[in-house]
Amino acid sequence: MILREVQPGEKPTEMALRMLRATLTHGSVSALSLVSHAAPLEELIRTLTSGQLMLPQPDSRGARIGTGHVWQLLQHDGEWRAQRVLDGGVLL
């Protein structure tokens, strides 16, 4: 795995997300369990999946990931996929 230096004009947060994605994509991690507030999780999931995810409509606070929502992230063929786990269910 090669992690490049900061790119011209790249913000620190962009670099951190790029490095996290590279580490997770090329590492041995195949599943994640994340607990946080809505906005950080949404950004992380969006970044890991390269924007390829379906989010519900924003709630009254503007959050797309609601209180107590559980999301599953799985890596398959070097790509991360995300899906919300509905109450009482575990996806694999």
C-alpha atoms as a PDB file:
ATOM      1  CA  MET A   1       0.000   0.000   0.000  1.00  0.00           C
ATOM      2  CA  ILE A   2       1.335   3.443  -0.925  1.00  0.00           C
ATOM      3  CA  LEU A   3       0.090   6.498   0.940  1.00  0.00           C
ATOM      4  CA  ARG A   4       1.056   9.661  -0.960  1.00  0.00           C
ATOM      5  CA  GLU A   5       2.128  12.928   0.575  1.00  0.00           C
ATOM      6  CA  VAL A   6      -0.413  15.694   0.908  1.00  0.00           C
ATOM      7  CA  GLN A   7      -1.565  16.785  -2.540  1.00  0.00           C
ATOM      8  CA  PRO A   8      -1.496  20.410  -3.751  1.00  0.00           C
ATOM      9  CA  GLY A   9      -4.561  22.191  -2.366  1.00  0.00           C
ATOM     10  CA  GLU A  10      -5.665  19.157  -0.347  1.00  0.00           C
ATOM     11  CA  LYS A  11      -7.194  20.075   3.017  1.00  0.00           C
ATOM     12  CA  PRO A  12      -6.095  18.174   6.144  1.00  0.00           C
ATOM     13  CA  THR A  13      -9.529  16.568   6.473  1.00  0.00           C
ATOM     14  CA  GLU A  14      -9.424  15.459   2.837  1.00  0.00           C
ATOM     15  CA  MET A  15      -6.009  13.925   3.378  1.00  0.00           C
ATOM     16  CA  ALA A  16      -7.165  12.130   6.518  1.00  0.00           C
ATOM     17  CA  LEU A  17     -10.181  10.667   4.733  1.00  0.00           C
ATOM     18  CA  ARG A  18      -8.058   9.632   1.742  1.00  0.00           C
ATOM     19  CA  MET A  19      -5.566   7.896   4.006  1.00  0.00           C
ATOM     20  CA  LEU A  20      -8.317   6.190   6.011  1.00  0.00           C
ATOM     21  CA  ARG A  21      -9.942   4.944   2.808  1.00  0.00           C
ATOM     22  CA  ALA A  22      -6.589   3.675   1.492  1.00  0.00           C
ATOM     23  CA  THR A  23      -5.797   1.931   4.759  1.00  0.00           C
ATOM     24  CA  LEU A  24      -9.186   0.233   4.969  1.00  0.00           C
ATOM     25  CA  THR A  25      -9.305  -0.641   1.274  1.00  0.00           C
ATOM     26  CA  HIS A  26      -5.871  -2.241   1.183  1.00  0.00           C
ATOM     27  CA  GLY A  27      -5.803  -3.620   4.704  1.00  0.00           C
ATOM     28  CA  SER A  28      -7.311  -6.777   6.102  1.00  0.00           C
ATOM     29  CA  VAL A  29     -10.415  -5.112   7.577  1.00  0.00           C
ATOM     30  CA  SER A  30     -13.586  -6.472   5.979  1.00  0.00           C
ATOM     31  CA  ALA A  31     -16.258  -5.057   8.295  1.00  0.00           C
ATOM     32  CA  LEU A  32     -16.608  -2.046  10.567  1.00  0.00           C
ATOM     33  CA  SER A  33     -18.726  -1.146  13.552  1.00  0.00           C
ATOM     34  CA  LEU A  34     -19.080   2.617  14.019  1.00  0.00           C
ATOM     35  CA  VAL A  35     -20.725   4.645  16.762  1.00  0.00           C
ATOM     36  CA  SER A  36     -20.868   8.416  16.477  1.00  0.00           C
ATOM     37  CA  HIS A  37     -23.103  11.342  15.682  1.00  0.00           C
ATOM     38  CA  ALA A  38     -24.914  11.547  12.366  1.00  0.00           C
ATOM     39  CA  ALA A  39     -22.745  14.024  10.448  1.00  0.00           C
ATOM     40  CA  PRO A  40     -19.355  12.330  11.062  1.00  0.00           C
ATOM     41  CA  LEU A  41     -20.781   8.917  10.225  1.00  0.00           C
ATOM     42  CA  GLU A  42     -22.469  10.220   7.104  1.00  0.00           C
ATOM     43  CA  GLU A  43     -19.223  11.765   5.869  1.00  0.00           C
ATOM     44  CA  LEU A  44     -17.195   8.662   6.669  1.00  0.00           C
ATOM     45  CA  ILE A  45     -19.682   6.319   4.984  1.00  0.00           C
ATOM     46  CA  ARG A  46     -19.959   8.638   1.973  1.00  0.00           C
ATOM     47  CA  THR A  47     -16.159   8.765   1.705  1.00  0.00           C
ATOM     48  CA  LEU A  48     -15.563   5.039   2.083  1.00  0.00           C
ATOM     49  CA  THR A  49     -18.229   4.212  -0.497  1.00  0.00           C
ATOM     50  CA  SER A  50     -17.085   6.969  -2.883  1.00  0.00           C
ATOM     51  CA  GLY A  51     -20.539   8.504  -2.600  1.00  0.00           C
ATOM     52  CA  GLN A  52     -22.314   5.309  -3.677  1.00  0.00           C
ATOM     53  CA  LEU A  53     -24.922   4.964  -0.942  1.00  0.00           C
ATOM     54  CA  MET A  54     -28.608   5.512  -0.491  1.00  0.00           C
ATOM     55  CA  LEU A  55     -29.470   7.737   2.455  1.00  0.00           C
ATOM     56  CA  PRO A  56     -32.954   8.421   3.797  1.00  0.00           C
ATOM     57  CA  GLN A  57     -34.452  11.887   3.506  1.00  0.00           C
ATOM     58  CA  PRO A  58     -33.177  14.352   6.125  1.00  0.00           C
ATOM     59  CA  ASP A  59     -35.086  14.472   9.387  1.00  0.00           C
ATOM     60  CA  SER A  60     -36.256  17.677  11.109  1.00  0.00           C
ATOM     61  CA  ARG A  61     -32.646  18.418  12.175  1.00  0.00           C
ATOM     62  CA  GLY A  62     -31.298  17.838   8.676  1.00  0.00           C
ATOM     63  CA  ALA A  63     -29.660  14.550   9.660  1.00  0.00           C
ATOM     64  CA  ARG A  64     -29.845  11.630   7.248  1.00  0.00           C
ATOM     65  CA  ILE A  65     -28.539   9.116   9.773  1.00  0.00           C
ATOM     66  CA  GLY A  66     -31.042   9.042  12.589  1.00  0.00           C
ATOM     67  CA  THR A  67     -30.706   8.421  16.302  1.00  0.00           C
ATOM     68  CA  GLY A  68     -29.937   4.780  16.942  1.00  0.00           C
ATOM     69  CA  HIS A  69     -29.534   3.839  13.283  1.00  0.00           C
ATOM     70  CA  VAL A  70     -27.165   0.963  12.600  1.00  0.00           C
ATOM     71  CA  TRP A  71     -25.224   0.843   9.329  1.00  0.00           C
ATOM     72  CA  GLN A  72     -23.253  -2.059   7.973  1.00  0.00           C
ATOM     73  CA  LEU A  73     -20.117  -1.468   5.904  1.00  0.00           C
ATOM     74  CA  LEU A  74     -18.653  -4.395   4.006  1.00  0.00           C
ATOM     75  CA  GLN A  75     -15.674  -4.490   1.714  1.00  0.00           C
ATOM     76  CA  HIS A  76     -16.001  -6.553  -1.457  1.00  0.00           C
ATOM     77  CA  ASP A  77     -13.400  -6.624  -4.238  1.00  0.00           C
ATOM     78  CA  GLY A  78     -11.707  -3.512  -2.834  1.00  0.00           C
ATOM     79  CA  GLU A  79     -14.912  -1.453  -2.664  1.00  0.00           C
ATOM     80  CA  TRP A  80     -16.891  -0.526   0.441  1.00  0.00           C
ATOM     81  CA  ARG A  81     -20.667  -0.854   0.427  1.00  0.00           C
ATOM     82  CA  ALA A  82     -22.981   0.532   3.084  1.00  0.00           C
ATOM     83  CA  GLN A  83     -26.496  -0.428   4.035  1.00  0.00           C
ATOM     84  CA  ARG A  84     -28.710   0.501   6.948  1.00  0.00           C
ATOM     85  CA  VAL A  85     -29.576  -2.418   9.179  1.00  0.00           C
ATOM     86  CA  LEU A  86     -33.247  -2.290  10.107  1.00  0.00           C
ATOM     87  CA  ASP A  87     -34.345  -2.923  13.690  1.00  0.00           C
ATOM     88  CA  GLY A  88     -33.812  -6.517  14.715  1.00  0.00           C
ATOM     89  CA  GLY A  89     -31.778  -7.500  11.671  1.00  0.00           C
ATOM     90  CA  VAL A  90     -28.160  -8.206  10.872  1.00  0.00           C
ATOM     91  CA  LEU A  91     -27.069  -8.142   7.255  1.00  0.00           C
ATOM     92  CA  LEU A  92     -24.199 -10.158   5.864  1.00  0.00           C
END
